[in-house]
Amino acid sequence: MKTIRLKNKDQNGNPFIDVPEKKLLTSDRDRFFNCIIDFAFILISIFIVSLLIVLTGNILQWDIYRMWEEILIYLGFTGTYLSFAMIYYFIFESLSGRTLGKIMTGSIIINEYGVKPGVAVIFKRTLCRFIPFEALSFLGESGRMWHDSLSNTYVVEKNVLEDEMKLQELNLIGAKEVI
């Protein structure tokens, strides 16, 4: 059975505790909802940015709409979406370890030690999202997608992670401290 090693002391003074992966991992259903919510927010972001560009251009009498239109035509729908998605995932996940979809479903990204990954790992994770057919990687038996496994990250239930950490702290009460 695969485990996630959380950075926390156990009763024997070990610096890590091992928790079964399946206990912490977010369900496939929640991962699906994360994806749908994030997809919708990215589309809304594209609309809002386009609207702001049109309004700014009209108010300030700038011809920036024509440049924006050329960029959108050049990138196409897919290129525009992927550009916004890369920015969205990188900013949200590097700042908070969560996207709006993860916030709504109660999920969080952790590394193999149970803490929020660093910016370099989040950047790698974001780039891995754009591997062709990566969206189909959830069909594997591990329950982790390629952008998770290649960046050594996990999407877990935040409340279960917090409960595990608190439970471990409670187990330390009365235990001898090893120095």
Foldseek 3Di string as FASTA:
>chain_A
DDWQWAQPQFLVRDRTDTDRPVLWFDDPVLVVQLVVVLLVVLVVVVVVVLVVQVVVCVVVVHPVNVVVVVVCVVCDPVNSSLVSQLVQQLVVCQVFQDHPSCVVSQKGKDASHLHRDHSVLSNQLSVQVPDPPQVVQCPDPPNDTPSCVVSRMGITRNVSSVVVNVVRVVNNVPRDHDD
